[in-house]
């Protein structure tokens, strides 16, 4: 059997400018591509950062506001510091100790979607 690729979450967005401010300016994603069927139609786009890929859609029925995704990360402290230094006015995330032996940074996008970045704690001998 061939390897199965990682899933690509689809998050619903309602304001392209707010989505860009959050995902591109704050989280540091880049836009890979954008698609509209015609000029005055909803936007569908792919964004990515270090192998993490999300799709953002204005289309009714794509994604559901309030969706959540869990992202494993190898250097949570560096990521948290990067976010803190950006001084984004709508999110001041902290690092939390999760009950599943990990540390997390949880963010909510402007549309109610949740992204939990998680790094496992080092195992004790």
PDB file of N, CA and C in Angstrom:
ATOM      1  N   UNK A   1       0.847  -1.183   0.000  1.00  0.00           N
ATOM      2  CA  UNK A   1       0.000   0.000   0.000  1.00  0.00           C
ATOM      3  C   UNK A   1       0.887   1.239   0.000  1.00  0.00           C
ATOM      4  N   UNK A   2       0.527   2.198  -0.829  1.00  0.00           N
ATOM      5  CA  UNK A   2       1.274   3.445  -0.889  1.00  0.00           C
ATOM      6  C   UNK A   2       0.951   4.295   0.338  1.00  0.00           C
ATOM      7  N   UNK A   3       1.884   5.181   0.732  1.00  0.00           N
ATOM      8  CA  UNK A   3       1.610   6.060   1.880  1.00  0.00           C
ATOM      9  C   UNK A   3       0.380   6.933   1.638  1.00  0.00           C
ATOM     10  N   UNK A   4      -0.303   7.238   2.712  1.00  0.00           N
ATOM     11  CA  UNK A   4      -1.456   8.123   2.640  1.00  0.00           C
ATOM     12  C   UNK A   4      -0.984   9.534   2.971  1.00  0.00           C
ATOM     13  N   UNK A   5      -1.356  10.489   2.138  1.00  0.00           N
ATOM     14  CA  UNK A   5      -0.941  11.882   2.354  1.00  0.00           C
ATOM     15  C   UNK A   5      -1.699  12.485   3.538  1.00  0.00           C
ATOM     16  N   UNK A   6      -1.121  13.519   4.112  1.00  0.00           N
ATOM     17  CA  UNK A   6      -1.777  14.236   5.207  1.00  0.00           C
ATOM     18  C   UNK A   6      -3.029  14.929   4.691  1.00  0.00           C
ATOM     19  N   UNK A   7      -4.070  14.993   5.514  1.00  0.00           N
ATOM     20  CA  UNK A   7      -5.276  15.708   5.087  1.00  0.00           C
ATOM     21  C   UNK A   7      -5.025  17.210   5.022  1.00  0.00           C
ATOM     22  N   UNK A   8      -5.838  17.895   4.244  1.00  0.00           N
ATOM     23  CA  UNK A   8      -5.762  19.351   4.144  1.00  0.00           C
ATOM     24  C   UNK A   8      -7.077  19.919   4.680  1.00  0.00           C
ATOM     25  N   UNK A   9      -7.042  20.537   5.850  1.00  0.00           N
ATOM     26  CA  UNK A   9      -8.267  21.126   6.384  1.00  0.00           C
ATOM     27  C   UNK A   9      -8.769  22.268   5.503  1.00  0.00           C
ATOM     28  N   UNK A  10     -10.089  22.386   5.409  1.00  0.00           N
ATOM     29  CA  UNK A  10     -10.715  23.505   4.718  1.00  0.00           C
ATOM     30  C   UNK A  10     -11.397  24.356   5.784  1.00  0.00           C
ATOM     31  N   UNK A  11     -10.945  25.593   5.933  1.00  0.00           N
ATOM     32  CA  UNK A  11     -11.556  26.523   6.879  1.00  0.00           C
ATOM     33  C   UNK A  11     -12.413  27.519   6.108  1.00  0.00           C
ATOM     34  N   UNK A  12     -13.602  27.749   6.616  1.00  0.00           N
ATOM     35  CA  UNK A  12     -14.487  28.749   6.029  1.00  0.00           C
ATOM     36  C   UNK A  12     -14.006  30.127   6.446  1.00  0.00           C
ATOM     37  N   UNK A  13     -14.005  31.057   5.511  1.00  0.00           N
ATOM     38  CA  UNK A  13     -13.669  32.454   5.811  1.00  0.00           C
ATOM     39  C   UNK A  13     -14.791  33.334   5.286  1.00  0.00           C
ATOM     40  N   UNK A  14     -14.982  34.471   5.933  1.00  0.00           N
ATOM     41  CA  UNK A  14     -16.045  35.389   5.556  1.00  0.00           C
ATOM     42  C   UNK A  14     -15.518  36.757   5.136  1.00  0.00           C
ATOM     43  N   UNK A  15     -14.208  36.981   5.288  1.00  0.00           N
ATOM     44  CA  UNK A  15     -13.602  38.268   4.959  1.00  0.00           C
ATOM     45  C   UNK A  15     -12.161  37.992   4.543  1.00  0.00           C
ATOM     46  N   UNK A  16     -11.880  38.173   3.266  1.00  0.00           N
ATOM     47  CA  UNK A  16     -10.551  37.853   2.724  1.00  0.00           C
ATOM     48  C   UNK A  16      -9.458  38.678   3.400  1.00  0.00           C
ATOM     49  N   UNK A  17      -9.697  39.960   3.621  1.00  0.00           N
ATOM     50  CA  UNK A  17      -8.680  40.807   4.247  1.00  0.00           C
ATOM     51  C   UNK A  17      -8.361  40.331   5.661  1.00  0.00           C
ATOM     52  N   UNK A  18      -9.394  39.964   6.433  1.00  0.00           N
ATOM     53  CA  UNK A  18      -9.174  39.455   7.797  1.00  0.00           C
ATOM     54  C   UNK A  18      -8.438  38.119   7.758  1.00  0.00           C
ATOM     55  N   UNK A  19      -8.770  37.282   6.791  1.00  0.00           N
ATOM     56  CA  UNK A  19      -8.087  35.995   6.655  1.00  0.00           C
ATOM     57  C   UNK A  19      -6.608  36.211   6.354  1.00  0.00           C
ATOM     58  N   UNK A  20      -6.307  37.120   5.445  1.00  0.00           N
ATOM     59  CA  UNK A  20      -4.899  37.401   5.118  1.00  0.00           C
ATOM     60  C   UNK A  20      -4.158  37.988   6.323  1.00  0.00           C
ATOM     61  N   UNK A  21      -4.807  38.880   7.040  1.00  0.00           N
ATOM     62  CA  UNK A  21      -4.182  39.479   8.223  1.00  0.00           C
ATOM     63  C   UNK A  21      -3.811  38.403   9.240  1.00  0.00           C
ATOM     64  N   UNK A  22      -4.708  37.454   9.460  1.00  0.00           N
ATOM     65  CA  UNK A  22      -4.465  36.406  10.449  1.00  0.00           C
ATOM     66  C   UNK A  22      -3.477  35.349   9.947  1.00  0.00           C
ATOM     67  N   UNK A  23      -3.790  34.734   8.800  1.00  0.00           N
ATOM     68  CA  UNK A  23      -2.997  33.594   8.337  1.00  0.00           C
ATOM     69  C   UNK A  23      -1.660  33.991   7.709  1.00  0.00           C
ATOM     70  N   UNK A  24      -1.634  35.075   6.966  1.00  0.00           N
ATOM     71  CA  UNK A  24      -0.408  35.472   6.264  1.00  0.00           C
ATOM     72  C   UNK A  24       0.449  36.375   7.156  1.00  0.00           C
ATOM     73  N   UNK A  25      -0.129  37.481   7.609  1.00  0.00           N
ATOM     74  CA  UNK A  25       0.647  38.450   8.390  1.00  0.00           C
ATOM     75  C   UNK A  25       1.008  37.937   9.780  1.00  0.00           C
ATOM     76  N   UNK A  26       0.057  37.329  10.480  1.00  0.00           N
ATOM     77  CA  UNK A  26       0.294  36.892  11.856  1.00  0.00           C
ATOM     78  C   UNK A  26       0.935  35.508  11.920  1.00  0.00           C
ATOM     79  N   UNK A  27       0.333  34.510  11.282  1.00  0.00           N
ATOM     80  CA  UNK A  27       0.858  33.141  11.397  1.00  0.00           C
ATOM     81  C   UNK A  27       2.023  32.843  10.452  1.00  0.00           C
ATOM     82  N   UNK A  28       2.240  33.673   9.453  1.00  0.00           N
ATOM     83  CA  UNK A  28       3.401  33.493   8.583  1.00  0.00           C
ATOM     84  C   UNK A  28       3.215  32.510   7.443  1.00  0.00           C
ATOM     85  N   UNK A  29       1.977  32.192   7.087  1.00  0.00           N
ATOM     86  CA  UNK A  29       1.725  31.353   5.926  1.00  0.00           C
ATOM     87  C   UNK A  29       1.983  32.161   4.654  1.00  0.00           C
ATOM     88  N   UNK A  30       2.137  31.466   3.535  1.00  0.00           N
ATOM     89  CA  UNK A  30       2.206  32.111   2.234  1.00  0.00           C
ATOM     90  C   UNK A  30       1.057  31.585   1.377  1.00  0.00           C
ATOM     91  N   UNK A  31       0.607  32.390   0.443  1.00  0.00           N
ATOM     92  CA  UNK A  31      -0.452  31.979  -0.470  1.00  0.00           C
ATOM     93  C   UNK A  31       0.189  31.179  -1.600  1.00  0.00           C
ATOM     94  N   UNK A  32      -0.260  29.924  -1.765  1.00  0.00           N
ATOM     95  CA  UNK A  32       0.249  29.069  -2.850  1.00  0.00           C
ATOM     96  C   UNK A  32      -0.517  29.319  -4.144  1.00  0.00           C
ATOM     97  N   UNK A  33      -1.815  29.439  -4.032  1.00  0.00           N
ATOM     98  CA  UNK A  33      -2.652  29.733  -5.184  1.00  0.00           C
ATOM     99  C   UNK A  33      -4.023  30.202  -4.726  1.00  0.00           C
ATOM    100  N   UNK A  34      -4.718  30.869  -5.647  1.00  0.00           N
ATOM    101  CA  UNK A  34      -6.074  31.364  -5.405  1.00  0.00           C
ATOM    102  C   UNK A  34      -6.939  30.997  -6.602  1.00  0.00           C
ATOM    103  N   UNK A  35      -8.231  30.781  -6.354  1.00  0.00           N
ATOM    104  CA  UNK A  35      -9.154  30.470  -7.443  1.00  0.00           C
ATOM    105  C   UNK A  35     -10.504  31.133  -7.209  1.00  0.00           C
ATOM    106  N   UNK A  36     -11.019  31.726  -8.270  1.00  0.00           N
ATOM    107  CA  UNK A  36     -12.397  32.227  -8.336  1.00  0.00           C
ATOM    108  C   UNK A  36     -12.933  31.780  -9.689  1.00  0.00           C
ATOM    109  N   UNK A  37     -14.187  31.341  -9.726  1.00  0.00           N
ATOM    110  CA  UNK A  37     -14.779  30.939 -10.998  1.00  0.00           C
ATOM    111  C   UNK A  37     -14.926  32.133 -11.936  1.00  0.00           C
ATOM    112  N   UNK A  38     -15.243  33.288 -11.359  1.00  0.00           N
ATOM    113  CA  UNK A  38     -15.305  34.541 -12.097  1.00  0.00           C
ATOM    114  C   UNK A  38     -14.908  35.651 -11.135  1.00  0.00           C
ATOM    115  N   UNK A  39     -14.763  36.875 -11.657  1.00  0.00           N
ATOM    116  CA  UNK A  39     -14.256  37.991 -10.863  1.00  0.00           C
ATOM    117  C   UNK A  39     -15.044  38.240  -9.580  1.00  0.00           C
ATOM    118  N   UNK A  40     -16.343  38.219  -9.630  1.00  0.00           N
ATOM    119  CA  UNK A  40     -17.160  38.548  -8.456  1.00  0.00           C
ATOM    120  C   UNK A  40     -17.735  37.285  -7.813  1.00  0.00           C
ATOM    121  N   UNK A  41     -16.902  36.230  -7.699  1.00  0.00           N
ATOM    122  CA  UNK A  41     -17.303  34.972  -7.082  1.00  0.00           C
ATOM    123  C   UNK A  41     -16.470  34.755  -5.815  1.00  0.00           C
ATOM    124  N   UNK A  42     -16.897  33.828  -4.956  1.00  0.00           N
ATOM    125  CA  UNK A  42     -16.144  33.544  -3.731  1.00  0.00           C
ATOM    126  C   UNK A  42     -14.721  33.060  -4.019  1.00  0.00           C
ATOM    127  N   UNK A  43     -13.826  33.376  -3.096  1.00  0.00           N
ATOM    128  CA  UNK A  43     -12.418  32.980  -3.211  1.00  0.00           C
ATOM    129  C   UNK A  43     -12.187  31.632  -2.535  1.00  0.00           C
ATOM    130  N   UNK A  44     -11.353  30.826  -3.165  1.00  0.00           N
ATOM    131  CA  UNK A  44     -10.848  29.568  -2.590  1.00  0.00           C
ATOM    132  C   UNK A  44      -9.344  29.630  -2.755  1.00  0.00           C
ATOM    133  N   UNK A  45      -8.586  29.438  -1.664  1.00  0.00           N
ATOM    134  CA  UNK A  45      -7.137  29.539  -1.789  1.00  0.00           C
ATOM    135  C   UNK A  45      -6.423  28.522  -0.920  1.00  0.00           C
ATOM    136  N   UNK A  46      -5.212  28.209  -1.324  1.00  0.00           N
ATOM    137  CA  UNK A  46      -4.346  27.333  -0.549  1.00  0.00           C
ATOM    138  C   UNK A  46      -3.229  28.165   0.050  1.00  0.00           C
ATOM    139  N   UNK A  47      -2.986  27.946   1.352  1.00  0.00           N
ATOM    140  CA  UNK A  47      -1.875  28.596   2.041  1.00  0.00           C
ATOM    141  C   UNK A  47      -1.009  27.514   2.668  1.00  0.00           C
ATOM    142  N   UNK A  48       0.267  27.832   2.892  1.00  0.00           N
ATOM    143  CA  UNK A  48       1.149  26.833   3.499  1.00  0.00           C
ATOM    144  C   UNK A  48       2.275  27.508   4.273  1.00  0.00           C
ATOM    145  N   UNK A  49       2.817  26.706   5.179  1.00  0.00           N
ATOM    146  CA  UNK A  49       3.979  27.125   5.953  1.00  0.00           C
ATOM    147  C   UNK A  49       4.705  25.866   6.409  1.00  0.00           C
ATOM    148  N   UNK A  50       5.950  25.713   5.999  1.00  0.00           N
ATOM    149  CA  UNK A  50       6.796  24.590   6.407  1.00  0.00           C
ATOM    150  C   UNK A  50       6.101  23.237   6.275  1.00  0.00           C
ATOM    151  N   UNK A  51       5.404  23.017   5.180  1.00  0.00           N
ATOM    152  CA  UNK A  51       4.754  21.735   4.943  1.00  0.00           C
ATOM    153  C   UNK A  51       3.327  21.634   5.471  1.00  0.00           C
ATOM    154  N   UNK A  52       2.894  22.577   6.286  1.00  0.00           N
ATOM    155  CA  UNK A  52       1.525  22.607   6.778  1.00  0.00           C
ATOM    156  C   UNK A  52       0.661  23.325   5.742  1.00  0.00           C
ATOM    157  N   UNK A  53      -0.394  22.677   5.277  1.00  0.00           N
ATOM    158  CA  UNK A  53      -1.232  23.224   4.211  1.00  0.00           C
ATOM    159  C   UNK A  53      -2.666  23.355   4.707  1.00  0.00           C
ATOM    160  N   UNK A  54      -3.264  24.514   4.458  1.00  0.00           N
ATOM    161  CA  UNK A  54      -4.674  24.769   4.743  1.00  0.00           C
ATOM    162  C   UNK A  54      -5.328  25.282   3.471  1.00  0.00           C
ATOM    163  N   UNK A  55      -6.605  25.001   3.323  1.00  0.00           N
ATOM    164  CA  UNK A  55      -7.420  25.638   2.303  1.00  0.00           C
ATOM    165  C   UNK A  55      -8.379  26.578   3.013  1.00  0.00           C
ATOM    166  N   UNK A  56      -8.548  27.773   2.471  1.00  0.00           N
ATOM    167  CA  UNK A  56      -9.479  28.765   2.996  1.00  0.00           C
ATOM    168  C   UNK A  56     -10.518  29.027   1.917  1.00  0.00           C
ATOM    169  N   UNK A  57     -11.795  29.031   2.307  1.00  0.00           N
ATOM    170  CA  UNK A  57     -12.854  29.138   1.312  1.00  0.00           C
ATOM    171  C   UNK A  57     -13.951  30.096   1.752  1.00  0.00           C
ATOM    172  N   UNK A  58     -14.397  30.905   0.799  1.00  0.00           N
ATOM    173  CA  UNK A  58     -15.577  31.747   1.000  1.00  0.00           C
ATOM    174  C   UNK A  58     -16.855  31.044   0.539  1.00  0.00           C
ATOM    175  N   UNK A  59     -16.734  29.865  -0.051  1.00  0.00           N
ATOM    176  CA  UNK A  59     -17.884  29.166  -0.595  1.00  0.00           C
ATOM    177  C   UNK A  59     -18.784  28.619   0.511  1.00  0.00           C
ATOM    178  N   UNK A  60     -20.081  28.890   0.399  1.00  0.00           N
ATOM    179  CA  UNK A  60     -21.064  28.333   1.323  1.00  0.00           C
ATOM    180  C   UNK A  60     -21.001  26.807   1.236  1.00  0.00           C
ATOM    181  N   UNK A  61     -20.913  26.166   2.370  1.00  0.00           N
ATOM    182  CA  UNK A  61     -20.846  24.710   2.396  1.00  0.00           C
ATOM    183  C   UNK A  61     -19.433  24.162   2.490  1.00  0.00           C
ATOM    184  N   UNK A  62     -18.423  24.977   2.275  1.00  0.00           N
ATOM    185  CA  UNK A  62     -17.031  24.533   2.443  1.00  0.00           C
ATOM    186  C   UNK A  62     -16.600  24.831   3.865  1.00  0.00           C
ATOM    187  N   UNK A  63     -16.344  23.822   4.610  1.00  0.00           N
ATOM    188  CA  UNK A  63     -15.949  24.015   5.994  1.00  0.00           C
ATOM    189  C   UNK A  63     -17.129  24.508   6.809  1.00  0.00           C
ATOM    190  N   UNK A  64     -16.977  24.428   8.090  1.00  0.00           N
ATOM    191  CA  UNK A  64     -18.024  24.871   8.999  1.00  0.00           C
ATOM    192  C   UNK A  64     -17.379  25.752  10.051  1.00  0.00           C
ATOM    193  N   UNK A  65     -17.875  26.969  10.240  1.00  0.00           N
ATOM    194  CA  UNK A  65     -17.281  27.813  11.280  1.00  0.00           C
ATOM    195  C   UNK A  65     -17.259  27.066  12.610  1.00  0.00           C
ATOM    196  N   UNK A  66     -16.170  27.189  13.317  1.00  0.00           N
ATOM    197  CA  UNK A  66     -16.006  26.467  14.574  1.00  0.00           C
ATOM    198  C   UNK A  66     -15.238  25.169  14.414  1.00  0.00           C
ATOM    199  N   UNK A  67     -14.668  24.922  13.242  1.00  0.00           N
ATOM    200  CA  UNK A  67     -13.859  23.725  13.032  1.00  0.00           C
ATOM    201  C   UNK A  67     -12.557  23.826  13.825  1.00  0.00           C
ATOM    202  N   UNK A  68     -11.935  22.686  14.034  1.00  0.00           N
ATOM    203  CA  UNK A  68     -10.674  22.663  14.776  1.00  0.00           C
ATOM    204  C   UNK A  68      -9.686  21.738  14.086  1.00  0.00           C
ATOM    205  N   UNK A  69      -8.408  22.070  14.218  1.00  0.00           N
ATOM    206  CA  UNK A  69      -7.345  21.224  13.686  1.00  0.00           C
ATOM    207  C   UNK A  69      -6.225  21.172  14.717  1.00  0.00           C
ATOM    208  N   UNK A  70      -5.592  20.014  14.822  1.00  0.00           N
ATOM    209  CA  UNK A  70      -4.489  19.772  15.746  1.00  0.00           C
ATOM    210  C   UNK A  70      -3.220  19.666  14.924  1.00  0.00           C
ATOM    211  N   UNK A  71      -2.205  20.474  15.265  1.00  0.00           N
ATOM    212  CA  UNK A  71      -0.956  20.516  14.504  1.00  0.00           C
ATOM    213  C   UNK A  71       0.209  20.197  15.436  1.00  0.00           C
ATOM    214  N   UNK A  72       0.967  19.166  15.101  1.00  0.00           N
ATOM    215  CA  UNK A  72       2.165  18.819  15.860  1.00  0.00           C
ATOM    216  C   UNK A  72       3.296  19.746  15.415  1.00  0.00           C
ATOM    217  N   UNK A  73       4.024  20.277  16.381  1.00  0.00           N
ATOM    218  CA  UNK A  73       5.098  21.235  16.086  1.00  0.00           C
ATOM    219  C   UNK A  73       6.330  20.846  16.893  1.00  0.00           C
ATOM    220  N   UNK A  74       7.518  21.057  16.330  1.00  0.00           N
ATOM    221  CA  UNK A  74       8.738  20.609  17.001  1.00  0.00           C
ATOM    222  C   UNK A  74       9.382  21.674  17.879  1.00  0.00           C
ATOM    223  N   UNK A  75       9.124  22.961  17.649  1.00  0.00           N
ATOM    224  CA  UNK A  75       9.721  24.002  18.481  1.00  0.00           C
ATOM    225  C   UNK A  75       8.650  25.035  18.842  1.00  0.00           C
ATOM    226  N   UNK A  76       7.831  24.658  19.798  1.00  0.00           N
ATOM    227  CA  UNK A  76       6.715  25.498  20.214  1.00  0.00           C
ATOM    228  C   UNK A  76       7.192  26.832  20.778  1.00  0.00           C
ATOM    229  N   UNK A  77       8.291  26.815  21.524  1.00  0.00           N
ATOM    230  CA  UNK A  77       8.798  28.060  22.128  1.00  0.00           C
ATOM    231  C   UNK A  77       9.179  29.087  21.062  1.00  0.00           C
ATOM    232  N   UNK A  78       9.872  28.651  20.013  1.00  0.00           N
ATOM    233  CA  UNK A  78      10.271  29.574  18.944  1.00  0.00           C
ATOM    234  C   UNK A  78       9.041  30.102  18.206  1.00  0.00           C
ATOM    235  N   UNK A  79       8.072  29.229  17.961  1.00  0.00           N
ATOM    236  CA  UNK A  79       6.846  29.647  17.289  1.00  0.00           C
ATOM    237  C   UNK A  79       6.086  30.654  18.146  1.00  0.00           C
ATOM    238  N   UNK A  80       5.980  30.383  19.431  1.00  0.00           N
ATOM    239  CA  UNK A  80       5.292  31.297  20.353  1.00  0.00           C
ATOM    240  C   UNK A  80       5.996  32.652  20.390  1.00  0.00           C
ATOM    241  N   UNK A  81       7.311  32.648  20.449  1.00  0.00           N
ATOM    242  CA  UNK A  81       8.067  33.905  20.472  1.00  0.00           C
ATOM    243  C   UNK A  81       7.834  34.697  19.186  1.00  0.00           C
ATOM    244  N   UNK A  82       7.829  34.001  18.047  1.00  0.00           N
ATOM    245  CA  UNK A  82       7.580  34.663  16.764  1.00  0.00           C
ATOM    246  C   UNK A  82       6.210  35.344  16.770  1.00  0.00           C
ATOM    247  N   UNK A  83       5.194  34.646  17.247  1.00  0.00           N
ATOM    248  CA  UNK A  83       3.847  35.223  17.296  1.00  0.00           C
ATOM    249  C   UNK A  83       3.789  36.404  18.252  1.00  0.00           C
ATOM    250  N   UNK A  84       4.402  36.272  19.407  1.00  0.00           N
ATOM    251  CA  UNK A  84       4.397  37.338  20.413  1.00  0.00           C
ATOM    252  C   UNK A  84       5.049  38.605  19.866  1.00  0.00           C
ATOM    253  N   UNK A  85       6.150  38.455  19.145  1.00  0.00           N
ATOM    254  CA  UNK A  85       6.863  39.609  18.597  1.00  0.00           C
ATOM    255  C   UNK A  85       6.051  40.348  17.532  1.00  0.00           C
ATOM    256  N   UNK A  86       5.091  39.692  16.915  1.00  0.00           N
ATOM    257  CA  UNK A  86       4.269  40.360  15.898  1.00  0.00           C
ATOM    258  C   UNK A  86       3.235  41.287  16.517  1.00  0.00           C
ATOM    259  N   UNK A  87       2.941  41.098  17.796  1.00  0.00           N
ATOM    260  CA  UNK A  87       2.021  41.977  18.531  1.00  0.00           C
ATOM    261  C   UNK A  87       0.687  42.158  17.798  1.00  0.00           C
ATOM    262  N   UNK A  88       0.117  41.039  17.364  1.00  0.00           N
ATOM    263  CA  UNK A  88      -1.181  41.026  16.674  1.00  0.00           C
ATOM    264  C   UNK A  88      -2.258  41.453  17.656  1.00  0.00           C
ATOM    265  N   UNK A  89      -3.038  42.424  17.303  1.00  0.00           N
ATOM    266  CA  UNK A  89      -3.976  43.028  18.250  1.00  0.00           C
ATOM    267  C   UNK A  89      -5.110  42.113  18.665  1.00  0.00           C
ATOM    268  N   UNK A  90      -5.425  41.071  17.886  1.00  0.00           N
ATOM    269  CA  UNK A  90      -6.576  40.229  18.187  1.00  0.00           C
ATOM    270  C   UNK A  90      -6.218  38.903  18.855  1.00  0.00           C
ATOM    271  N   UNK A  91      -4.942  38.652  19.115  1.00  0.00           N
ATOM    272  CA  UNK A  91      -4.554  37.395  19.777  1.00  0.00           C
ATOM    273  C   UNK A  91      -3.237  37.583  20.506  1.00  0.00           C
ATOM    274  N   UNK A  92      -3.239  37.207  21.743  1.00  0.00           N
ATOM    275  CA  UNK A  92      -2.026  37.211  22.568  1.00  0.00           C
ATOM    276  C   UNK A  92      -1.891  35.813  23.178  1.00  0.00           C
ATOM    277  N   UNK A  93      -1.530  34.817  22.357  1.00  0.00           N
ATOM    278  CA  UNK A  93      -1.547  33.436  22.830  1.00  0.00           C
ATOM    279  C   UNK A  93      -0.470  33.154  23.869  1.00  0.00           C
ATOM    280  N   UNK A  94      -0.818  32.271  24.776  1.00  0.00           N
ATOM    281  CA  UNK A  94       0.132  31.785  25.760  1.00  0.00           C
ATOM    282  C   UNK A  94       0.421  30.318  25.494  1.00  0.00           C
ATOM    283  N   UNK A  95       1.374  29.795  26.247  1.00  0.00           N
ATOM    284  CA  UNK A  95       1.681  28.367  26.179  1.00  0.00           C
ATOM    285  C   UNK A  95       1.007  27.703  27.365  1.00  0.00           C
ATOM    286  N   UNK A  96       0.286  26.617  27.083  1.00  0.00           N
ATOM    287  CA  UNK A  96      -0.418  25.896  28.135  1.00  0.00           C
ATOM    288  C   UNK A  96       0.105  24.472  28.241  1.00  0.00           C
ATOM    289  N   UNK A  97       0.061  23.931  29.451  1.00  0.00           N
ATOM    290  CA  UNK A  97       0.372  22.515  29.660  1.00  0.00           C
ATOM    291  C   UNK A  97      -0.918  21.727  29.460  1.00  0.00           C
ATOM    292  N   UNK A  98      -0.894  20.819  28.486  1.00  0.00           N
ATOM    293  CA  UNK A  98      -2.081  20.021  28.179  1.00  0.00           C
ATOM    294  C   UNK A  98      -2.076  18.733  28.996  1.00  0.00           C
ATOM    295  N   UNK A  99      -3.241  18.192  29.284  1.00  0.00           N
ATOM    296  CA  UNK A  99      -3.302  16.966  30.080  1.00  0.00           C
ATOM    297  C   UNK A  99      -2.775  15.730  29.354  1.00  0.00           C
ATOM    298  N   UNK A 100      -2.475  15.825  28.067  1.00  0.00           N
ATOM    299  CA  UNK A 100      -1.949  14.676  27.329  1.00  0.00           C
ATOM    300  C   UNK A 100      -0.428  14.730  27.197  1.00  0.00           C
ATOM    301  N   UNK A 101       0.241  15.319  28.206  1.00  0.00           N
ATOM    302  CA  UNK A 101       1.701  15.362  28.280  1.00  0.00           C
ATOM    303  C   UNK A 101       2.307  16.140  27.110  1.00  0.00           C
ATOM    304  N   UNK A 102       1.774  17.319  26.892  1.00  0.00           N
ATOM    305  CA  UNK A 102       2.265  18.189  25.826  1.00  0.00           C
ATOM    306  C   UNK A 102       2.066  19.635  26.234  1.00  0.00           C
ATOM    307  N   UNK A 103       2.722  20.514  25.491  1.00  0.00           N
ATOM    308  CA  UNK A 103       2.533  21.956  25.647  1.00  0.00           C
ATOM    309  C   UNK A 103       1.853  22.445  24.385  1.00  0.00           C
ATOM    310  N   UNK A 104       0.944  23.410  24.525  1.00  0.00           N
ATOM    311  CA  UNK A 104       0.159  23.848  23.378  1.00  0.00           C
ATOM    312  C   UNK A 104       0.049  25.363  23.288  1.00  0.00           C
ATOM    313  N   UNK A 105      -0.142  25.835  22.073  1.00  0.00           N
ATOM    314  CA  UNK A 105      -0.565  27.202  21.779  1.00  0.00           C
ATOM    315  C   UNK A 105      -1.829  27.058  20.945  1.00  0.00           C
ATOM    316  N   UNK A 106      -2.943  27.559  21.465  1.00  0.00           N
ATOM    317  CA  UNK A 106      -4.219  27.457  20.765  1.00  0.00           C
ATOM    318  C   UNK A 106      -4.636  28.829  20.259  1.00  0.00           C
ATOM    319  N   UNK A 107      -4.989  28.882  18.991  1.00  0.00           N
ATOM    320  CA  UNK A 107      -5.384  30.132  18.343  1.00  0.00           C
ATOM    321  C   UNK A 107      -6.765  29.975  17.719  1.00  0.00           C
ATOM    322  N   UNK A 108      -7.526  31.051  17.729  1.00  0.00           N
ATOM    323  CA  UNK A 108      -8.821  31.105  17.062  1.00  0.00           C
ATOM    324  C   UNK A 108      -8.734  32.130  15.940  1.00  0.00           C
ATOM    325  N   UNK A 109      -9.087  31.702  14.728  1.00  0.00           N
ATOM    326  CA  UNK A 109      -9.047  32.647  13.614  1.00  0.00           C
ATOM    327  C   UNK A 109     -10.259  33.584  13.687  1.00  0.00           C
ATOM    328  N   UNK A 110     -10.327  34.601  12.841  1.00  0.00           N
ATOM    329  CA  UNK A 110     -11.421  35.572  12.918  1.00  0.00           C
ATOM    330  C   UNK A 110     -12.803  34.990  12.622  1.00  0.00           C
ATOM    331  N   UNK A 111     -12.866  33.710  12.223  1.00  0.00           N
ATOM    332  CA  UNK A 111     -14.129  33.108  11.819  1.00  0.00           C
ATOM    333  C   UNK A 111     -14.560  31.987  12.758  1.00  0.00           C
ATOM    334  N   UNK A 112     -13.901  31.880  13.907  1.00  0.00           N
ATOM    335  CA  UNK A 112     -14.280  30.900  14.913  1.00  0.00           C
ATOM    336  C   UNK A 112     -13.608  29.552  14.781  1.00  0.00           C
ATOM    337  N   UNK A 113     -12.695  29.394  13.843  1.00  0.00           N
ATOM    338  CA  UNK A 113     -11.966  28.139  13.703  1.00  0.00           C
ATOM    339  C   UNK A 113     -10.806  28.107  14.696  1.00  0.00           C
ATOM    340  N   UNK A 114     -10.475  26.912  15.174  1.00  0.00           N
ATOM    341  CA  UNK A 114      -9.437  26.759  16.207  1.00  0.00           C
ATOM    342  C   UNK A 114      -8.284  25.931  15.673  1.00  0.00           C
ATOM    343  N   UNK A 115      -7.052  26.407  15.936  1.00  0.00           N
ATOM    344  CA  UNK A 115      -5.831  25.695  15.566  1.00  0.00           C
ATOM    345  C   UNK A 115      -5.039  25.483  16.846  1.00  0.00           C
ATOM    346  N   UNK A 116      -4.767  24.222  17.165  1.00  0.00           N
ATOM    347  CA  UNK A 116      -3.998  23.888  18.367  1.00  0.00           C
ATOM    348  C   UNK A 116      -2.631  23.365  17.933  1.00  0.00           C
ATOM    349  N   UNK A 117      -1.594  24.167  18.177  1.00  0.00           N
ATOM    350  CA  UNK A 117      -0.217  23.756  17.917  1.00  0.00           C
ATOM    351  C   UNK A 117       0.285  23.061  19.173  1.00  0.00           C
ATOM    352  N   UNK A 118       0.825  21.862  19.037  1.00  0.00           N
ATOM    353  CA  UNK A 118       1.183  21.058  20.204  1.00  0.00           C
ATOM    354  C   UNK A 118       2.553  20.416  20.047  1.00  0.00           C
ATOM    355  N   UNK A 119       3.323  20.476  21.133  1.00  0.00           N
ATOM    356  CA  UNK A 119       4.632  19.820  21.177  1.00  0.00           C
ATOM    357  C   UNK A 119       4.652  18.884  22.375  1.00  0.00           C
ATOM    358  N   UNK A 120       4.940  17.595  22.156  1.00  0.00           N
ATOM    359  CA  UNK A 120       5.004  16.650  23.277  1.00  0.00           C
ATOM    360  C   UNK A 120       6.104  17.044  24.252  1.00  0.00           C
ATOM    361  N   UNK A 121       5.841  16.816  25.534  1.00  0.00           N
ATOM    362  CA  UNK A 121       6.867  17.023  26.542  1.00  0.00           C
ATOM    363  C   UNK A 121       7.926  15.939  26.403  1.00  0.00           C
ATOM    364  N   UNK A 122       9.151  16.279  26.788  1.00  0.00           N
ATOM    365  CA  UNK A 122      10.223  15.288  26.753  1.00  0.00           C
ATOM    366  C   UNK A 122       9.880  14.172  27.738  1.00  0.00           C
ATOM    367  N   UNK A 123      10.109  12.963  27.306  1.00  0.00           N
ATOM    368  CA  UNK A 123       9.822  11.817  28.183  1.00  0.00           C
ATOM    369  C   UNK A 123      10.866  11.742  29.279  1.00  0.00           C
ATOM    370  N   UNK A 124      10.426  11.425  30.464  1.00  0.00           N
ATOM    371  CA  UNK A 124      11.341  11.253  31.584  1.00  0.00           C
ATOM    372  C   UNK A 124      11.825   9.823  31.624  1.00  0.00           C
ATOM    373  N   UNK A 125      13.087   9.607  31.994  1.00  0.00           N
ATOM    374  CA  UNK A 125      13.630   8.227  31.999  1.00  0.00           C
ATOM    375  C   UNK A 125      12.982   7.361  33.047  1.00  0.00           C
TER     376      UNK A 125
END
